[in-house]
Amino acid sequence: MKDVTAVTTPANPGVGVNAYSSFDVFGSYDINKQWRIRAGVTNAGNHGPVLVSSSQTSTDPSVFDVVGRSYQVGVHVTL
């Protein structure tokens, strides 16, 4: 990971990071009126978090995904 925290000029501090994007895929399918299945992938590209040197944990987990790729599967049943 590259540390992208930078001060642009001493007279005009501009601390920050470059743009950050992740790609998530989710979908669901109604089997019938009673059953629905759903599945998804979060952070499909498995991009790591942006390094922020001013943070104690080297990143900000409230903003950046620190887990990496994750999968979800679920079933919804209407009784």
N, C-alpha and C. Protein backbone atom coordinates (compact mmCIF):
# COMPACT_ATOMS: atom_id res chain seq x y z
N MET A 1 0.83 -1.18 0.00
CA MET A 1 0.00 0.00 0.00
C MET A 1 0.87 1.24 0.00
N LYS A 2 0.45 2.22 -0.72
CA LYS A 2 1.17 3.48 -0.79
C LYS A 2 0.51 4.49 0.14
N ASP A 3 1.31 5.21 0.91
CA ASP A 3 0.77 6.25 1.79
C ASP A 3 0.44 7.46 0.94
N VAL A 4 -0.85 7.76 0.80
CA VAL A 4 -1.27 8.87 -0.04
C VAL A 4 -1.61 10.11 0.77
N THR A 5 -1.29 10.10 2.07
CA THR A 5 -1.50 11.29 2.89
C THR A 5 -0.40 12.28 2.55
N ALA A 6 -0.77 13.48 2.17
CA ALA A 6 0.23 14.45 1.75
C ALA A 6 -0.22 15.86 2.07
N VAL A 7 0.76 16.72 2.29
CA VAL A 7 0.50 18.15 2.43
C VAL A 7 0.99 18.78 1.13
N THR A 8 0.08 19.43 0.41
CA THR A 8 0.43 19.93 -0.92
C THR A 8 1.44 21.06 -0.86
N THR A 9 1.20 22.06 -0.03
CA THR A 9 2.16 23.16 0.16
C THR A 9 2.10 23.59 1.61
N PRO A 10 3.20 24.05 2.18
CA PRO A 10 3.17 24.47 3.59
C PRO A 10 2.18 25.60 3.86
N ALA A 11 1.96 26.49 2.89
CA ALA A 11 1.03 27.60 3.10
C ALA A 11 -0.42 27.16 2.98
N ASN A 12 -0.66 26.06 2.30
CA ASN A 12 -2.02 25.59 2.06
C ASN A 12 -2.09 24.09 2.32
N PRO A 13 -2.16 23.68 3.58
CA PRO A 13 -2.18 22.24 3.85
C PRO A 13 -3.44 21.59 3.30
N GLY A 14 -3.26 20.50 2.60
CA GLY A 14 -4.38 19.76 2.03
C GLY A 14 -4.22 18.28 2.30
N VAL A 15 -4.40 17.89 3.54
CA VAL A 15 -4.24 16.48 3.90
C VAL A 15 -5.42 15.69 3.37
N GLY A 16 -5.16 14.55 2.79
CA GLY A 16 -6.26 13.73 2.28
C GLY A 16 -5.75 12.52 1.54
N VAL A 17 -6.66 11.80 0.94
CA VAL A 17 -6.32 10.61 0.18
C VAL A 17 -6.94 10.71 -1.20
N ASN A 18 -6.43 9.92 -2.12
CA ASN A 18 -7.01 9.88 -3.47
C ASN A 18 -8.38 9.23 -3.43
N ALA A 19 -9.09 9.32 -4.53
CA ALA A 19 -10.42 8.72 -4.64
C ALA A 19 -10.33 7.22 -4.38
N TYR A 20 -11.38 6.66 -3.82
CA TYR A 20 -11.42 5.24 -3.45
C TYR A 20 -12.73 4.66 -3.96
N SER A 21 -12.66 3.58 -4.71
CA SER A 21 -13.86 2.93 -5.23
C SER A 21 -13.79 1.44 -4.97
N SER A 22 -14.94 0.86 -4.71
CA SER A 22 -15.03 -0.60 -4.63
C SER A 22 -16.27 -1.03 -5.41
N PHE A 23 -16.30 -2.28 -5.80
CA PHE A 23 -17.39 -2.80 -6.62
C PHE A 23 -18.11 -3.88 -5.84
N ASP A 24 -19.40 -3.68 -5.59
CA ASP A 24 -20.23 -4.63 -4.86
C ASP A 24 -21.30 -5.18 -5.81
N VAL A 25 -21.62 -6.47 -5.66
CA VAL A 25 -22.62 -7.12 -6.50
C VAL A 25 -23.64 -7.80 -5.58
N PHE A 26 -24.91 -7.50 -5.78
CA PHE A 26 -25.97 -8.11 -4.99
C PHE A 26 -27.13 -8.47 -5.90
N GLY A 27 -27.85 -9.51 -5.54
CA GLY A 27 -29.02 -9.89 -6.31
C GLY A 27 -29.96 -10.76 -5.48
N SER A 28 -31.19 -10.84 -5.94
CA SER A 28 -32.17 -11.71 -5.28
C SER A 28 -33.05 -12.35 -6.34
N TYR A 29 -33.66 -13.46 -5.96
CA TYR A 29 -34.53 -14.20 -6.87
C TYR A 29 -35.73 -14.71 -6.10
N ASP A 30 -36.93 -14.38 -6.58
CA ASP A 30 -38.16 -14.88 -5.97
C ASP A 30 -38.47 -16.25 -6.55
N ILE A 31 -38.36 -17.28 -5.71
CA ILE A 31 -38.67 -18.64 -6.15
C ILE A 31 -40.17 -18.78 -6.35
N ASN A 32 -40.93 -18.27 -5.39
CA ASN A 32 -42.39 -18.19 -5.49
C ASN A 32 -42.84 -17.08 -4.55
N LYS A 33 -44.14 -17.00 -4.23
CA LYS A 33 -44.64 -15.93 -3.36
C LYS A 33 -44.12 -16.04 -1.94
N GLN A 34 -43.67 -17.22 -1.55
CA GLN A 34 -43.25 -17.45 -0.17
C GLN A 34 -41.73 -17.41 0.02
N TRP A 35 -40.97 -17.82 -0.96
CA TRP A 35 -39.52 -17.98 -0.82
C TRP A 35 -38.75 -17.00 -1.71
N ARG A 36 -37.72 -16.39 -1.13
CA ARG A 36 -36.81 -15.51 -1.87
C ARG A 36 -35.38 -15.84 -1.41
N ILE A 37 -34.47 -15.98 -2.36
CA ILE A 37 -33.07 -16.17 -2.02
C ILE A 37 -32.30 -14.92 -2.45
N ARG A 38 -31.23 -14.62 -1.74
CA ARG A 38 -30.41 -13.46 -2.07
C ARG A 38 -28.94 -13.81 -1.85
N ALA A 39 -28.08 -13.14 -2.60
CA ALA A 39 -26.65 -13.36 -2.49
C ALA A 39 -25.92 -12.09 -2.90
N GLY A 40 -24.69 -11.97 -2.43
CA GLY A 40 -23.92 -10.79 -2.79
C GLY A 40 -22.45 -10.95 -2.50
N VAL A 41 -21.68 -10.08 -3.13
CA VAL A 41 -20.24 -10.00 -2.90
C VAL A 41 -19.92 -8.53 -2.64
N THR A 42 -19.29 -8.26 -1.51
CA THR A 42 -18.84 -6.91 -1.17
C THR A 42 -17.36 -6.81 -1.48
N ASN A 43 -16.95 -5.71 -2.10
CA ASN A 43 -15.56 -5.48 -2.49
C ASN A 43 -15.08 -6.62 -3.40
N ALA A 44 -15.78 -6.80 -4.51
CA ALA A 44 -15.50 -7.90 -5.44
C ALA A 44 -14.07 -7.87 -5.96
N GLY A 45 -13.47 -6.71 -6.09
CA GLY A 45 -12.09 -6.60 -6.56
C GLY A 45 -11.06 -6.86 -5.48
N ASN A 46 -11.52 -7.02 -4.23
CA ASN A 46 -10.66 -7.31 -3.08
C ASN A 46 -9.56 -6.26 -2.91
N HIS A 47 -9.92 -4.98 -3.04
CA HIS A 47 -8.96 -3.89 -2.86
C HIS A 47 -8.74 -3.64 -1.38
N GLY A 48 -7.49 -3.44 -1.00
CA GLY A 48 -7.16 -3.16 0.39
C GLY A 48 -7.51 -1.73 0.76
N PRO A 49 -7.51 -1.43 2.05
CA PRO A 49 -7.84 -0.07 2.49
C PRO A 49 -6.73 0.92 2.16
N VAL A 50 -7.11 2.18 2.08
CA VAL A 50 -6.15 3.25 1.83
C VAL A 50 -5.36 3.49 3.11
N LEU A 51 -4.06 3.65 3.00
CA LEU A 51 -3.20 3.91 4.15
C LEU A 51 -3.24 5.40 4.49
N VAL A 52 -3.57 5.69 5.74
CA VAL A 52 -3.62 7.06 6.23
C VAL A 52 -2.68 7.14 7.42
N SER A 53 -1.54 7.77 7.25
CA SER A 53 -0.51 7.75 8.29
C SER A 53 -0.90 8.52 9.54
N SER A 54 -1.88 9.41 9.45
CA SER A 54 -2.27 10.19 10.63
C SER A 54 -3.22 9.41 11.54
N SER A 55 -3.58 8.19 11.17
CA SER A 55 -4.49 7.36 11.96
C SER A 55 -3.69 6.35 12.78
N GLN A 56 -4.19 6.01 13.98
CA GLN A 56 -3.51 5.03 14.82
C GLN A 56 -3.48 3.65 14.19
N THR A 57 -4.50 3.32 13.40
CA THR A 57 -4.59 1.99 12.80
C THR A 57 -4.11 1.97 11.35
N SER A 58 -3.49 3.03 10.87
CA SER A 58 -2.98 3.19 9.50
C SER A 58 -4.08 3.35 8.46
N THR A 59 -5.33 3.31 8.88
CA THR A 59 -6.45 3.57 7.98
C THR A 59 -7.64 4.00 8.84
N ASP A 60 -8.74 4.32 8.23
CA ASP A 60 -9.95 4.71 8.96
C ASP A 60 -11.02 3.66 8.68
N PRO A 61 -11.21 2.69 9.60
CA PRO A 61 -12.17 1.62 9.34
C PRO A 61 -13.63 2.08 9.26
N SER A 62 -13.92 3.30 9.70
CA SER A 62 -15.29 3.80 9.57
C SER A 62 -15.57 4.28 8.14
N VAL A 63 -14.52 4.46 7.35
CA VAL A 63 -14.66 4.95 5.97
C VAL A 63 -14.24 3.89 4.95
N PHE A 64 -13.13 3.19 5.23
CA PHE A 64 -12.56 2.25 4.27
C PHE A 64 -12.80 0.81 4.70
N ASP A 65 -12.97 -0.07 3.72
CA ASP A 65 -13.20 -1.49 3.97
C ASP A 65 -11.90 -2.15 4.39
N VAL A 66 -11.83 -2.62 5.63
CA VAL A 66 -10.61 -3.27 6.12
C VAL A 66 -10.69 -4.79 6.05
N VAL A 67 -11.86 -5.34 5.72
CA VAL A 67 -12.05 -6.79 5.68
C VAL A 67 -11.59 -7.38 4.36
N GLY A 68 -11.81 -6.68 3.27
CA GLY A 68 -11.54 -7.24 1.95
C GLY A 68 -12.82 -7.84 1.39
N ARG A 69 -12.68 -8.75 0.46
CA ARG A 69 -13.86 -9.36 -0.18
C ARG A 69 -14.64 -10.18 0.85
N SER A 70 -15.97 -10.06 0.79
CA SER A 70 -16.84 -10.88 1.65
C SER A 70 -18.08 -11.29 0.86
N TYR A 71 -18.68 -12.38 1.31
CA TYR A 71 -19.83 -12.97 0.62
C TYR A 71 -21.02 -13.03 1.57
N GLN A 72 -22.22 -12.87 1.01
CA GLN A 72 -23.44 -12.98 1.79
C GLN A 72 -24.43 -13.85 1.02
N VAL A 73 -25.13 -14.70 1.76
CA VAL A 73 -26.19 -15.53 1.19
C VAL A 73 -27.33 -15.54 2.20
N GLY A 74 -28.56 -15.45 1.72
CA GLY A 74 -29.69 -15.46 2.64
C GLY A 74 -30.95 -16.00 1.99
N VAL A 75 -31.88 -16.37 2.85
CA VAL A 75 -33.18 -16.87 2.42
C VAL A 75 -34.23 -16.10 3.19
N HIS A 76 -35.27 -15.66 2.50
CA HIS A 76 -36.39 -14.97 3.13
C HIS A 76 -37.64 -15.81 2.90
N VAL A 77 -38.33 -16.13 3.99
CA VAL A 77 -39.55 -16.93 3.91
C VAL A 77 -40.70 -16.13 4.50
N THR A 78 -41.78 -15.99 3.74
CA THR A 78 -42.98 -15.32 4.23
C THR A 78 -43.98 -16.40 4.65
N LEU A 79 -44.41 -16.32 5.89
CA LEU A 79 -45.36 -17.32 6.40
C LEU A 79 -46.79 -16.86 6.26
